[in-house]
């Protein structure tokens, strides 16, 4: 796990969600703190975003929140973060999150989480980065999405070799095992794009 020093977690800002999803966010945050991995996330203090950040901070870990100006008020920027970066817009936010993270985990979330997921997968598909991406299918939340993605492969809209762009984890323990087994990224966004 020493090779991954920072983990970008995409997740929802809704608080009205299943307890198992809330628990997964808290558990992942605690685990990140215990192994010394910095959390990179959307910078909010509500929903799963706030829960994971609070858990990392409670465990003595480091948190970098990245939030655009207009969402700083709407999602209530997390003032307790080790570092809170306020960007001009969503595009700058997503690029900053992706460029400073060593790996990505997708917890349950809504449209914004889907946007971030497909953008980071597309960037990897295009060779803009080679960082691990793990979809956390907590209680089967992402199963319908994974079924749709399987259809994209079956219908030849996505090449077979791109099945390796991401891994799927059913729980937090599996997320950490996958990250521990992933090799260090060979290149990053900075080298390919910025």
N, C-alpha and C. Protein backbone atom coordinates (compact mmCIF):
# COMPACT_ATOMS: atom_id res chain seq x y z
N UNK A 1 0.82 -1.20 0.00
CA UNK A 1 0.00 0.00 0.00
C UNK A 1 0.86 1.26 0.00
N UNK A 2 2.16 1.12 0.27
CA UNK A 2 3.03 2.29 0.38
C UNK A 2 3.14 3.06 -0.93
N UNK A 3 2.93 2.42 -2.06
CA UNK A 3 3.06 3.10 -3.34
C UNK A 3 1.94 4.10 -3.58
N UNK A 4 0.79 3.88 -2.99
CA UNK A 4 -0.33 4.82 -3.14
C UNK A 4 -0.34 5.74 -1.93
N UNK A 5 -0.01 6.99 -2.17
CA UNK A 5 0.06 7.96 -1.08
C UNK A 5 -1.18 8.83 -0.99
N UNK A 6 -1.92 8.92 -2.11
CA UNK A 6 -3.15 9.72 -2.10
C UNK A 6 -4.22 8.99 -2.92
N UNK A 7 -5.44 9.03 -2.42
CA UNK A 7 -6.55 8.33 -3.07
C UNK A 7 -7.69 9.31 -3.31
N UNK A 8 -8.11 9.43 -4.55
CA UNK A 8 -9.27 10.25 -4.88
C UNK A 8 -10.52 9.38 -4.74
N UNK A 9 -11.46 9.82 -3.93
CA UNK A 9 -12.71 9.09 -3.75
C UNK A 9 -13.84 9.95 -4.30
N UNK A 10 -14.55 9.39 -5.29
CA UNK A 10 -15.74 10.02 -5.83
C UNK A 10 -16.93 9.40 -5.11
N UNK A 11 -17.84 10.24 -4.61
CA UNK A 11 -19.01 9.72 -3.89
C UNK A 11 -20.07 10.81 -3.80
N UNK A 12 -21.23 10.43 -3.30
CA UNK A 12 -22.36 11.32 -3.26
C UNK A 12 -22.32 12.36 -2.15
N UNK A 13 -23.06 13.45 -2.38
CA UNK A 13 -23.20 14.50 -1.38
C UNK A 13 -24.54 14.42 -0.67
N UNK A 14 -25.31 13.37 -0.97
CA UNK A 14 -26.61 13.20 -0.32
C UNK A 14 -26.43 12.52 1.04
N UNK A 15 -27.21 12.98 2.01
CA UNK A 15 -27.18 12.37 3.35
C UNK A 15 -28.32 11.37 3.53
N UNK A 16 -29.31 11.41 2.64
CA UNK A 16 -30.48 10.55 2.75
C UNK A 16 -30.25 9.25 1.98
N UNK A 17 -29.28 8.45 2.44
CA UNK A 17 -28.87 7.23 1.74
C UNK A 17 -28.80 6.06 2.71
N UNK A 18 -28.62 4.86 2.14
CA UNK A 18 -28.53 3.65 2.96
C UNK A 18 -27.43 3.74 4.01
N UNK A 19 -27.71 3.16 5.15
CA UNK A 19 -26.69 3.14 6.22
C UNK A 19 -25.46 2.36 5.78
N UNK A 20 -25.63 1.32 4.98
CA UNK A 20 -24.46 0.54 4.54
C UNK A 20 -23.52 1.40 3.69
N UNK A 21 -24.06 2.34 2.93
CA UNK A 21 -23.21 3.24 2.14
C UNK A 21 -22.50 4.23 3.05
N UNK A 22 -23.22 4.72 4.05
CA UNK A 22 -22.62 5.64 5.02
C UNK A 22 -21.51 4.93 5.79
N UNK A 23 -21.78 3.70 6.17
CA UNK A 23 -20.80 2.92 6.91
C UNK A 23 -19.55 2.64 6.07
N UNK A 24 -19.75 2.36 4.79
CA UNK A 24 -18.61 2.11 3.89
C UNK A 24 -17.73 3.35 3.79
N UNK A 25 -18.35 4.53 3.69
CA UNK A 25 -17.57 5.77 3.61
C UNK A 25 -16.77 5.98 4.90
N UNK A 26 -17.41 5.77 6.04
CA UNK A 26 -16.71 5.94 7.31
C UNK A 26 -15.57 4.93 7.46
N UNK A 27 -15.84 3.68 7.09
CA UNK A 27 -14.83 2.63 7.22
C UNK A 27 -13.65 2.89 6.31
N UNK A 28 -13.92 3.26 5.06
CA UNK A 28 -12.83 3.56 4.13
C UNK A 28 -12.01 4.74 4.66
N UNK A 29 -12.67 5.75 5.16
CA UNK A 29 -11.95 6.90 5.71
C UNK A 29 -11.05 6.51 6.86
N UNK A 30 -11.55 5.70 7.76
CA UNK A 30 -10.75 5.24 8.91
C UNK A 30 -9.55 4.42 8.45
N UNK A 31 -9.78 3.56 7.45
CA UNK A 31 -8.69 2.73 6.92
C UNK A 31 -7.63 3.58 6.23
N UNK A 32 -8.05 4.57 5.48
CA UNK A 32 -7.08 5.45 4.82
C UNK A 32 -6.20 6.14 5.85
N UNK A 33 -6.82 6.64 6.92
CA UNK A 33 -6.05 7.29 7.98
C UNK A 33 -5.06 6.31 8.61
N UNK A 34 -5.51 5.08 8.83
CA UNK A 34 -4.65 4.10 9.53
C UNK A 34 -3.44 3.68 8.71
N UNK A 35 -3.54 3.74 7.37
CA UNK A 35 -2.40 3.35 6.53
C UNK A 35 -1.68 4.57 5.94
N UNK A 36 -2.09 5.76 6.33
CA UNK A 36 -1.38 6.97 5.92
C UNK A 36 -1.59 7.40 4.48
N UNK A 37 -2.77 7.11 3.94
CA UNK A 37 -3.08 7.56 2.57
C UNK A 37 -3.94 8.82 2.66
N UNK A 38 -3.49 9.86 1.97
CA UNK A 38 -4.22 11.13 1.94
C UNK A 38 -5.49 10.96 1.11
N UNK A 39 -6.60 11.47 1.63
CA UNK A 39 -7.87 11.50 0.89
C UNK A 39 -7.91 12.73 0.01
N UNK A 40 -8.22 12.52 -1.26
CA UNK A 40 -8.51 13.61 -2.20
C UNK A 40 -9.99 13.45 -2.53
N UNK A 41 -10.78 14.49 -2.36
CA UNK A 41 -12.23 14.35 -2.61
C UNK A 41 -12.83 15.69 -2.94
N UNK A 42 -14.14 15.72 -3.16
CA UNK A 42 -14.83 16.90 -3.66
C UNK A 42 -14.98 18.08 -2.73
N UNK A 43 -14.51 17.99 -1.49
CA UNK A 43 -14.44 19.14 -0.60
C UNK A 43 -15.68 19.47 0.20
N UNK A 44 -16.78 18.73 0.03
CA UNK A 44 -18.00 19.02 0.78
C UNK A 44 -17.99 18.40 2.17
N UNK A 45 -18.86 18.92 3.03
CA UNK A 45 -18.96 18.36 4.38
C UNK A 45 -20.29 17.63 4.61
N UNK A 46 -21.04 17.43 3.52
CA UNK A 46 -22.32 16.74 3.64
C UNK A 46 -22.28 15.41 2.89
N UNK A 47 -23.21 14.54 3.20
CA UNK A 47 -23.34 13.26 2.52
C UNK A 47 -22.16 12.36 2.76
N UNK A 48 -21.96 11.41 1.83
CA UNK A 48 -20.83 10.49 1.95
C UNK A 48 -19.51 11.24 1.92
N UNK A 49 -19.49 12.35 1.18
CA UNK A 49 -18.26 13.15 1.11
C UNK A 49 -17.84 13.60 2.51
N UNK A 50 -18.77 14.15 3.25
CA UNK A 50 -18.45 14.61 4.59
C UNK A 50 -18.09 13.48 5.53
N UNK A 51 -18.80 12.35 5.40
CA UNK A 51 -18.52 11.21 6.28
C UNK A 51 -17.12 10.67 6.08
N UNK A 52 -16.68 10.52 4.83
CA UNK A 52 -15.34 9.97 4.61
C UNK A 52 -14.27 10.94 5.07
N UNK A 53 -14.47 12.22 4.80
CA UNK A 53 -13.49 13.23 5.24
C UNK A 53 -13.40 13.26 6.76
N UNK A 54 -14.55 13.26 7.43
CA UNK A 54 -14.56 13.28 8.89
C UNK A 54 -13.86 12.06 9.47
N UNK A 55 -14.06 10.89 8.86
CA UNK A 55 -13.44 9.67 9.35
C UNK A 55 -11.92 9.71 9.19
N UNK A 56 -11.45 10.23 8.05
CA UNK A 56 -10.00 10.35 7.85
C UNK A 56 -9.43 11.30 8.90
N UNK A 57 -10.07 12.45 9.08
CA UNK A 57 -9.58 13.44 10.04
C UNK A 57 -9.62 12.91 11.46
N UNK A 58 -10.69 12.18 11.82
CA UNK A 58 -10.80 11.62 13.17
C UNK A 58 -9.69 10.60 13.43
N UNK A 59 -9.23 9.94 12.37
CA UNK A 59 -8.15 8.96 12.51
C UNK A 59 -6.77 9.58 12.43
N UNK A 60 -6.70 10.90 12.34
CA UNK A 60 -5.41 11.58 12.27
C UNK A 60 -4.81 11.65 10.88
N UNK A 61 -5.62 11.37 9.86
CA UNK A 61 -5.14 11.38 8.49
C UNK A 61 -5.25 12.74 7.84
N UNK A 62 -4.75 12.83 6.61
CA UNK A 62 -4.75 14.07 5.85
C UNK A 62 -5.84 14.05 4.79
N UNK A 63 -6.47 15.21 4.60
CA UNK A 63 -7.57 15.34 3.63
C UNK A 63 -7.36 16.59 2.79
N UNK A 64 -7.39 16.40 1.47
CA UNK A 64 -7.41 17.53 0.55
C UNK A 64 -8.77 17.56 -0.12
N UNK A 65 -9.52 18.61 0.16
CA UNK A 65 -10.81 18.82 -0.47
C UNK A 65 -10.65 19.81 -1.62
N UNK A 66 -11.33 19.53 -2.73
CA UNK A 66 -11.24 20.41 -3.89
C UNK A 66 -12.67 20.72 -4.33
N UNK A 67 -13.02 22.00 -4.27
CA UNK A 67 -14.41 22.39 -4.53
C UNK A 67 -14.45 23.68 -5.35
N UNK A 68 -15.33 23.76 -6.35
CA UNK A 68 -15.44 25.01 -7.10
C UNK A 68 -16.16 26.08 -6.28
N UNK A 69 -15.88 27.33 -6.60
CA UNK A 69 -16.46 28.46 -5.86
C UNK A 69 -17.96 28.31 -5.67
N UNK A 70 -18.67 28.04 -6.77
CA UNK A 70 -20.13 28.05 -6.68
C UNK A 70 -20.68 26.92 -5.81
N UNK A 71 -19.93 25.83 -5.67
CA UNK A 71 -20.38 24.73 -4.82
C UNK A 71 -19.90 24.87 -3.38
N UNK A 72 -18.94 25.74 -3.16
CA UNK A 72 -18.42 25.92 -1.80
C UNK A 72 -19.55 26.26 -0.84
N UNK A 73 -20.48 27.08 -1.27
CA UNK A 73 -21.62 27.43 -0.44
C UNK A 73 -22.71 26.36 -0.49
N UNK A 74 -23.00 25.85 -1.70
CA UNK A 74 -24.07 24.87 -1.88
C UNK A 74 -23.79 23.55 -1.15
N UNK A 75 -22.59 23.01 -1.32
CA UNK A 75 -22.24 21.75 -0.68
C UNK A 75 -21.56 21.97 0.67
N UNK A 76 -21.44 23.20 1.06
CA UNK A 76 -20.86 23.57 2.34
C UNK A 76 -19.43 23.02 2.43
N UNK A 77 -18.50 23.77 1.85
CA UNK A 77 -17.10 23.37 1.86
C UNK A 77 -16.64 22.97 3.25
N UNK A 78 -15.90 21.89 3.33
CA UNK A 78 -15.45 21.32 4.60
C UNK A 78 -14.26 22.11 5.14
N UNK A 79 -14.52 22.98 6.10
CA UNK A 79 -13.48 23.84 6.65
C UNK A 79 -12.49 23.10 7.54
N UNK A 80 -12.79 21.85 7.88
CA UNK A 80 -11.88 21.07 8.71
C UNK A 80 -10.81 20.33 7.94
N UNK A 81 -10.85 20.41 6.60
CA UNK A 81 -9.87 19.70 5.77
C UNK A 81 -8.45 20.16 6.09
N UNK A 82 -7.52 19.27 5.93
CA UNK A 82 -6.11 19.63 6.06
C UNK A 82 -5.79 20.72 5.05
N UNK A 83 -6.37 20.58 3.87
CA UNK A 83 -6.19 21.54 2.79
C UNK A 83 -7.50 21.61 2.01
N UNK A 84 -8.01 22.81 1.80
CA UNK A 84 -9.21 23.00 0.99
C UNK A 84 -8.86 23.91 -0.18
N UNK A 85 -8.96 23.37 -1.37
CA UNK A 85 -8.63 24.11 -2.58
C UNK A 85 -9.94 24.52 -3.24
N UNK A 86 -10.12 25.81 -3.48
CA UNK A 86 -11.31 26.32 -4.15
C UNK A 86 -10.93 26.66 -5.59
N UNK A 87 -11.61 26.01 -6.53
CA UNK A 87 -11.30 26.21 -7.95
C UNK A 87 -12.31 27.14 -8.59
N UNK A 88 -12.00 27.57 -9.80
CA UNK A 88 -12.89 28.47 -10.54
C UNK A 88 -14.15 27.76 -11.02
N UNK A 89 -14.02 26.47 -11.41
CA UNK A 89 -15.16 25.77 -12.00
C UNK A 89 -15.01 24.27 -11.81
N UNK A 90 -16.01 23.53 -12.29
CA UNK A 90 -16.03 22.07 -12.16
C UNK A 90 -14.89 21.42 -12.93
N UNK A 91 -14.59 21.92 -14.10
CA UNK A 91 -13.52 21.33 -14.91
C UNK A 91 -12.18 21.41 -14.18
N UNK A 92 -11.89 22.57 -13.62
CA UNK A 92 -10.64 22.73 -12.87
C UNK A 92 -10.62 21.81 -11.64
N UNK A 93 -11.78 21.68 -11.00
CA UNK A 93 -11.88 20.80 -9.83
C UNK A 93 -11.52 19.38 -10.20
N UNK A 94 -12.15 18.85 -11.27
CA UNK A 94 -11.93 17.46 -11.65
C UNK A 94 -10.50 17.21 -12.11
N UNK A 95 -9.94 18.16 -12.84
CA UNK A 95 -8.56 18.02 -13.30
C UNK A 95 -7.60 18.02 -12.11
N UNK A 96 -7.82 18.90 -11.16
CA UNK A 96 -6.95 18.98 -9.98
C UNK A 96 -7.04 17.69 -9.17
N UNK A 97 -8.25 17.20 -8.96
CA UNK A 97 -8.43 15.95 -8.20
C UNK A 97 -7.68 14.81 -8.89
N UNK A 98 -7.85 14.72 -10.20
CA UNK A 98 -7.24 13.62 -10.95
C UNK A 98 -5.73 13.73 -11.00
N UNK A 99 -5.22 14.94 -11.08
CA UNK A 99 -3.78 15.10 -11.26
C UNK A 99 -2.99 14.84 -9.97
N UNK A 100 -3.59 15.07 -8.80
CA UNK A 100 -2.82 14.88 -7.56
C UNK A 100 -3.07 13.53 -6.89
N UNK A 101 -4.01 12.75 -7.41
CA UNK A 101 -4.30 11.43 -6.81
C UNK A 101 -3.45 10.35 -7.46
N UNK A 102 -3.14 9.32 -6.66
CA UNK A 102 -2.40 8.16 -7.16
C UNK A 102 -3.34 7.04 -7.61
N UNK A 103 -4.60 7.09 -7.19
CA UNK A 103 -5.58 6.05 -7.52
C UNK A 103 -6.97 6.63 -7.27
N UNK A 104 -8.00 5.90 -7.74
CA UNK A 104 -9.38 6.38 -7.64
C UNK A 104 -10.30 5.27 -7.14
N UNK A 105 -11.23 5.65 -6.26
CA UNK A 105 -12.27 4.74 -5.80
C UNK A 105 -13.60 5.43 -5.99
N UNK A 106 -14.57 4.67 -6.51
CA UNK A 106 -15.90 5.21 -6.73
C UNK A 106 -16.85 4.55 -5.74
N UNK A 107 -17.30 5.31 -4.75
CA UNK A 107 -18.34 4.87 -3.81
C UNK A 107 -19.70 5.23 -4.42
N UNK A 108 -20.80 4.78 -3.81
CA UNK A 108 -22.12 5.17 -4.33
C UNK A 108 -22.28 6.68 -4.42
N UNK A 109 -23.02 7.10 -5.44
CA UNK A 109 -23.26 8.52 -5.64
C UNK A 109 -24.26 8.74 -6.76
N UNK A 110 -24.45 9.98 -7.12
CA UNK A 110 -25.45 10.34 -8.12
C UNK A 110 -24.83 10.73 -9.45
N UNK A 111 -25.45 11.70 -10.14
CA UNK A 111 -25.01 12.10 -11.47
C UNK A 111 -23.57 12.61 -11.47
N UNK A 112 -23.22 13.40 -10.46
CA UNK A 112 -21.86 13.93 -10.39
C UNK A 112 -20.83 12.82 -10.27
N UNK A 113 -21.15 11.81 -9.47
CA UNK A 113 -20.25 10.67 -9.30
C UNK A 113 -20.11 9.90 -10.61
N UNK A 114 -21.22 9.74 -11.33
CA UNK A 114 -21.16 9.08 -12.64
C UNK A 114 -20.30 9.88 -13.61
N UNK A 115 -20.46 11.19 -13.60
CA UNK A 115 -19.67 12.05 -14.48
C UNK A 115 -18.19 11.87 -14.19
N UNK A 116 -17.81 11.92 -12.93
CA UNK A 116 -16.41 11.76 -12.55
C UNK A 116 -15.89 10.37 -12.90
N UNK A 117 -16.73 9.36 -12.70
CA UNK A 117 -16.33 7.98 -13.00
C UNK A 117 -16.02 7.81 -14.47
N UNK A 118 -16.95 8.23 -15.33
CA UNK A 118 -16.73 8.03 -16.75
C UNK A 118 -15.64 8.93 -17.30
N UNK A 119 -15.45 10.10 -16.72
CA UNK A 119 -14.36 10.94 -17.18
C UNK A 119 -13.02 10.31 -16.86
N UNK A 120 -12.84 9.80 -15.64
CA UNK A 120 -11.55 9.22 -15.27
C UNK A 120 -11.30 7.92 -16.03
N UNK A 121 -12.35 7.16 -16.31
CA UNK A 121 -12.19 5.95 -17.13
C UNK A 121 -11.84 6.31 -18.58
N UNK A 122 -12.48 7.35 -19.11
CA UNK A 122 -12.19 7.77 -20.47
C UNK A 122 -10.76 8.29 -20.58
N UNK A 123 -10.33 9.06 -19.60
CA UNK A 123 -8.95 9.55 -19.61
C UNK A 123 -7.96 8.39 -19.57
N UNK A 124 -8.30 7.35 -18.81
CA UNK A 124 -7.41 6.18 -18.76
C UNK A 124 -7.46 5.43 -20.10
N UNK A 125 -8.63 5.30 -20.67
CA UNK A 125 -8.79 4.64 -21.97
C UNK A 125 -7.97 5.36 -23.04
N UNK A 126 -7.93 6.69 -22.97
CA UNK A 126 -7.20 7.49 -23.95
C UNK A 126 -5.70 7.58 -23.65
N UNK A 127 -5.27 6.98 -22.55
CA UNK A 127 -3.86 6.97 -22.20
C UNK A 127 -3.38 8.23 -21.51
N UNK A 128 -4.29 9.02 -20.93
CA UNK A 128 -3.89 10.24 -20.23
C UNK A 128 -3.40 9.97 -18.82
N UNK A 129 -3.70 8.80 -18.28
CA UNK A 129 -3.14 8.37 -16.99
C UNK A 129 -3.17 6.85 -16.96
N UNK A 130 -2.45 6.30 -16.02
CA UNK A 130 -2.42 4.84 -15.84
C UNK A 130 -2.52 4.52 -14.35
N UNK A 131 -3.53 5.11 -13.70
CA UNK A 131 -3.71 4.94 -12.26
C UNK A 131 -4.83 3.95 -11.99
N UNK A 132 -4.74 3.21 -10.89
CA UNK A 132 -5.80 2.25 -10.55
C UNK A 132 -7.15 2.94 -10.34
N UNK A 133 -8.21 2.28 -10.83
CA UNK A 133 -9.59 2.75 -10.64
C UNK A 133 -10.39 1.58 -10.09
N UNK A 134 -11.04 1.79 -8.94
CA UNK A 134 -11.82 0.74 -8.29
C UNK A 134 -13.25 1.23 -8.12
N UNK A 135 -14.20 0.47 -8.66
CA UNK A 135 -15.62 0.76 -8.45
C UNK A 135 -16.08 -0.06 -7.25
N UNK A 136 -16.53 0.62 -6.21
CA UNK A 136 -16.96 -0.04 -4.98
C UNK A 136 -18.46 -0.33 -5.07
N UNK A 137 -18.79 -1.56 -5.37
CA UNK A 137 -20.19 -1.98 -5.58
C UNK A 137 -20.81 -2.37 -4.24
N UNK A 138 -20.90 -1.40 -3.35
CA UNK A 138 -21.40 -1.63 -1.99
C UNK A 138 -22.87 -2.05 -2.05
N UNK A 139 -23.17 -3.21 -1.51
CA UNK A 139 -24.53 -3.76 -1.53
C UNK A 139 -25.15 -3.79 -2.92
N UNK A 140 -24.30 -3.96 -3.94
CA UNK A 140 -24.80 -4.07 -5.31
C UNK A 140 -25.25 -2.75 -5.92
N UNK A 141 -24.88 -1.63 -5.31
CA UNK A 141 -25.35 -0.33 -5.80
C UNK A 141 -25.00 -0.10 -7.28
N UNK A 142 -23.77 -0.45 -7.67
CA UNK A 142 -23.33 -0.20 -9.04
C UNK A 142 -23.61 -1.36 -9.99
N UNK A 143 -24.26 -2.43 -9.52
CA UNK A 143 -24.52 -3.59 -10.38
C UNK A 143 -25.27 -3.22 -11.66
N UNK A 144 -26.32 -2.38 -11.63
CA UNK A 144 -26.98 -2.00 -12.89
C UNK A 144 -26.02 -1.28 -13.85
N UNK A 145 -25.15 -0.44 -13.32
CA UNK A 145 -24.16 0.24 -14.15
C UNK A 145 -23.19 -0.76 -14.76
N UNK A 146 -22.72 -1.70 -13.95
CA UNK A 146 -21.78 -2.71 -14.45
C UNK A 146 -22.43 -3.58 -15.52
N UNK A 147 -23.72 -3.84 -15.38
CA UNK A 147 -24.47 -4.60 -16.40
C UNK A 147 -24.53 -3.81 -17.71
N UNK A 148 -24.80 -2.52 -17.60
CA UNK A 148 -24.83 -1.66 -18.78
C UNK A 148 -23.46 -1.60 -19.44
N UNK A 149 -22.40 -1.51 -18.64
CA UNK A 149 -21.05 -1.47 -19.18
C UNK A 149 -20.71 -2.79 -19.87
N UNK A 150 -21.15 -3.91 -19.30
CA UNK A 150 -20.92 -5.21 -19.93
C UNK A 150 -21.59 -5.25 -21.30
N UNK A 151 -22.77 -4.64 -21.41
CA UNK A 151 -23.45 -4.57 -22.70
C UNK A 151 -22.66 -3.73 -23.70
N UNK A 152 -22.00 -2.68 -23.24
CA UNK A 152 -21.17 -1.87 -24.12
C UNK A 152 -20.03 -2.70 -24.70
N UNK A 153 -19.44 -3.57 -23.88
CA UNK A 153 -18.40 -4.47 -24.38
C UNK A 153 -19.01 -5.47 -25.37
N UNK A 154 -20.14 -6.06 -24.99
CA UNK A 154 -20.79 -7.06 -25.85
C UNK A 154 -21.19 -6.48 -27.21
N UNK A 155 -21.59 -5.22 -27.22
CA UNK A 155 -22.05 -4.57 -28.45
C UNK A 155 -20.90 -3.89 -29.22
N UNK A 156 -19.68 -4.09 -28.74
CA UNK A 156 -18.48 -3.57 -29.41
C UNK A 156 -18.36 -2.05 -29.42
N UNK A 157 -18.96 -1.38 -28.43
CA UNK A 157 -18.76 0.05 -28.29
C UNK A 157 -17.52 0.35 -27.45
N UNK A 158 -17.11 -0.63 -26.68
CA UNK A 158 -15.88 -0.53 -25.90
C UNK A 158 -15.05 -1.76 -26.21
N UNK A 159 -13.77 -1.57 -26.47
CA UNK A 159 -12.90 -2.68 -26.84
C UNK A 159 -12.70 -3.65 -25.69
N UNK A 160 -12.55 -4.93 -25.99
CA UNK A 160 -12.38 -5.95 -24.93
C UNK A 160 -11.21 -5.66 -23.98
N UNK A 161 -10.12 -5.13 -24.51
CA UNK A 161 -8.95 -4.86 -23.66
C UNK A 161 -9.22 -3.76 -22.62
N UNK A 162 -10.28 -2.99 -22.83
CA UNK A 162 -10.58 -1.93 -21.87
C UNK A 162 -11.36 -2.44 -20.65
N UNK A 163 -11.64 -3.73 -20.62
CA UNK A 163 -12.21 -4.31 -19.40
C UNK A 163 -11.24 -4.17 -18.23
N UNK A 164 -9.97 -3.98 -18.55
CA UNK A 164 -8.94 -3.86 -17.52
C UNK A 164 -8.75 -2.43 -17.02
N UNK A 165 -9.59 -1.51 -17.47
CA UNK A 165 -9.46 -0.12 -17.03
C UNK A 165 -9.81 0.06 -15.55
N UNK A 166 -10.60 -0.86 -15.01
CA UNK A 166 -11.06 -0.72 -13.63
C UNK A 166 -11.21 -2.09 -12.99
N UNK A 167 -11.28 -2.08 -11.68
CA UNK A 167 -11.57 -3.28 -10.91
C UNK A 167 -12.84 -3.01 -10.11
N UNK A 168 -13.51 -4.07 -9.69
CA UNK A 168 -14.74 -3.95 -8.90
C UNK A 168 -14.52 -4.57 -7.53
N UNK A 169 -14.94 -3.86 -6.50
CA UNK A 169 -14.83 -4.35 -5.12
C UNK A 169 -16.22 -4.34 -4.49
N UNK A 170 -16.61 -5.44 -3.82
CA UNK A 170 -17.92 -5.48 -3.19
C UNK A 170 -17.96 -4.83 -1.80
N UNK A 171 -16.78 -4.55 -1.23
CA UNK A 171 -16.72 -4.00 0.13
C UNK A 171 -15.41 -3.25 0.33
N UNK A 172 -15.30 -2.59 1.47
CA UNK A 172 -14.12 -1.76 1.75
C UNK A 172 -12.86 -2.62 1.87
N UNK A 173 -12.94 -3.76 2.52
CA UNK A 173 -11.75 -4.61 2.66
C UNK A 173 -11.19 -4.99 1.30
N UNK A 174 -12.04 -5.28 0.35
CA UNK A 174 -11.60 -5.64 -0.99
C UNK A 174 -10.97 -4.45 -1.71
N UNK A 175 -11.51 -3.25 -1.47
CA UNK A 175 -10.92 -2.04 -2.05
C UNK A 175 -9.46 -1.95 -1.64
N UNK A 176 -9.21 -2.08 -0.35
CA UNK A 176 -7.85 -1.93 0.15
C UNK A 176 -6.93 -3.04 -0.36
N UNK A 177 -7.47 -4.24 -0.51
CA UNK A 177 -6.67 -5.35 -1.05
C UNK A 177 -6.29 -5.08 -2.51
N UNK A 178 -7.25 -4.57 -3.27
CA UNK A 178 -6.96 -4.25 -4.68
C UNK A 178 -5.90 -3.17 -4.76
N UNK A 179 -6.05 -2.12 -3.98
CA UNK A 179 -5.07 -1.03 -4.01
C UNK A 179 -3.69 -1.51 -3.60
N UNK A 180 -3.64 -2.41 -2.62
CA UNK A 180 -2.35 -2.94 -2.17
C UNK A 180 -1.68 -3.77 -3.26
N UNK A 181 -2.47 -4.39 -4.12
CA UNK A 181 -1.91 -5.27 -5.16
C UNK A 181 -1.60 -4.54 -6.46
N UNK A 182 -2.13 -3.33 -6.62
CA UNK A 182 -1.89 -2.58 -7.86
C UNK A 182 -0.46 -2.06 -7.90
N UNK A 183 0.13 -2.13 -9.08
CA UNK A 183 1.48 -1.60 -9.24
C UNK A 183 1.44 -0.08 -9.30
N UNK A 184 2.59 0.51 -9.07
CA UNK A 184 2.68 1.97 -9.12
C UNK A 184 2.35 2.46 -10.52
N UNK A 185 1.57 3.53 -10.64
CA UNK A 185 1.24 4.05 -11.97
C UNK A 185 2.50 4.38 -12.76
N UNK A 186 2.49 4.07 -14.04
CA UNK A 186 3.66 4.31 -14.90
C UNK A 186 3.72 5.76 -15.36
N UNK A 187 2.59 6.42 -15.47
CA UNK A 187 2.59 7.82 -15.88
C UNK A 187 1.32 8.46 -15.36
N UNK A 188 1.29 9.79 -15.37
CA UNK A 188 0.15 10.49 -14.80
C UNK A 188 -0.31 11.60 -15.75
N UNK A 189 -1.38 12.27 -15.38
CA UNK A 189 -1.93 13.35 -16.20
C UNK A 189 -0.89 14.44 -16.47
N UNK A 190 -0.06 14.74 -15.48
CA UNK A 190 0.91 15.81 -15.64
C UNK A 190 1.83 15.53 -16.84
N UNK A 191 2.24 14.29 -16.98
CA UNK A 191 3.17 13.92 -18.05
C UNK A 191 2.50 13.86 -19.40
N UNK A 192 1.23 13.49 -19.44
CA UNK A 192 0.56 13.25 -20.71
C UNK A 192 -0.24 14.46 -21.21
N UNK A 193 -0.63 15.35 -20.31
CA UNK A 193 -1.60 16.35 -20.71
C UNK A 193 -1.25 17.76 -20.26
N UNK A 194 -0.92 17.92 -19.00
CA UNK A 194 -0.75 19.27 -18.44
C UNK A 194 0.49 19.97 -18.98
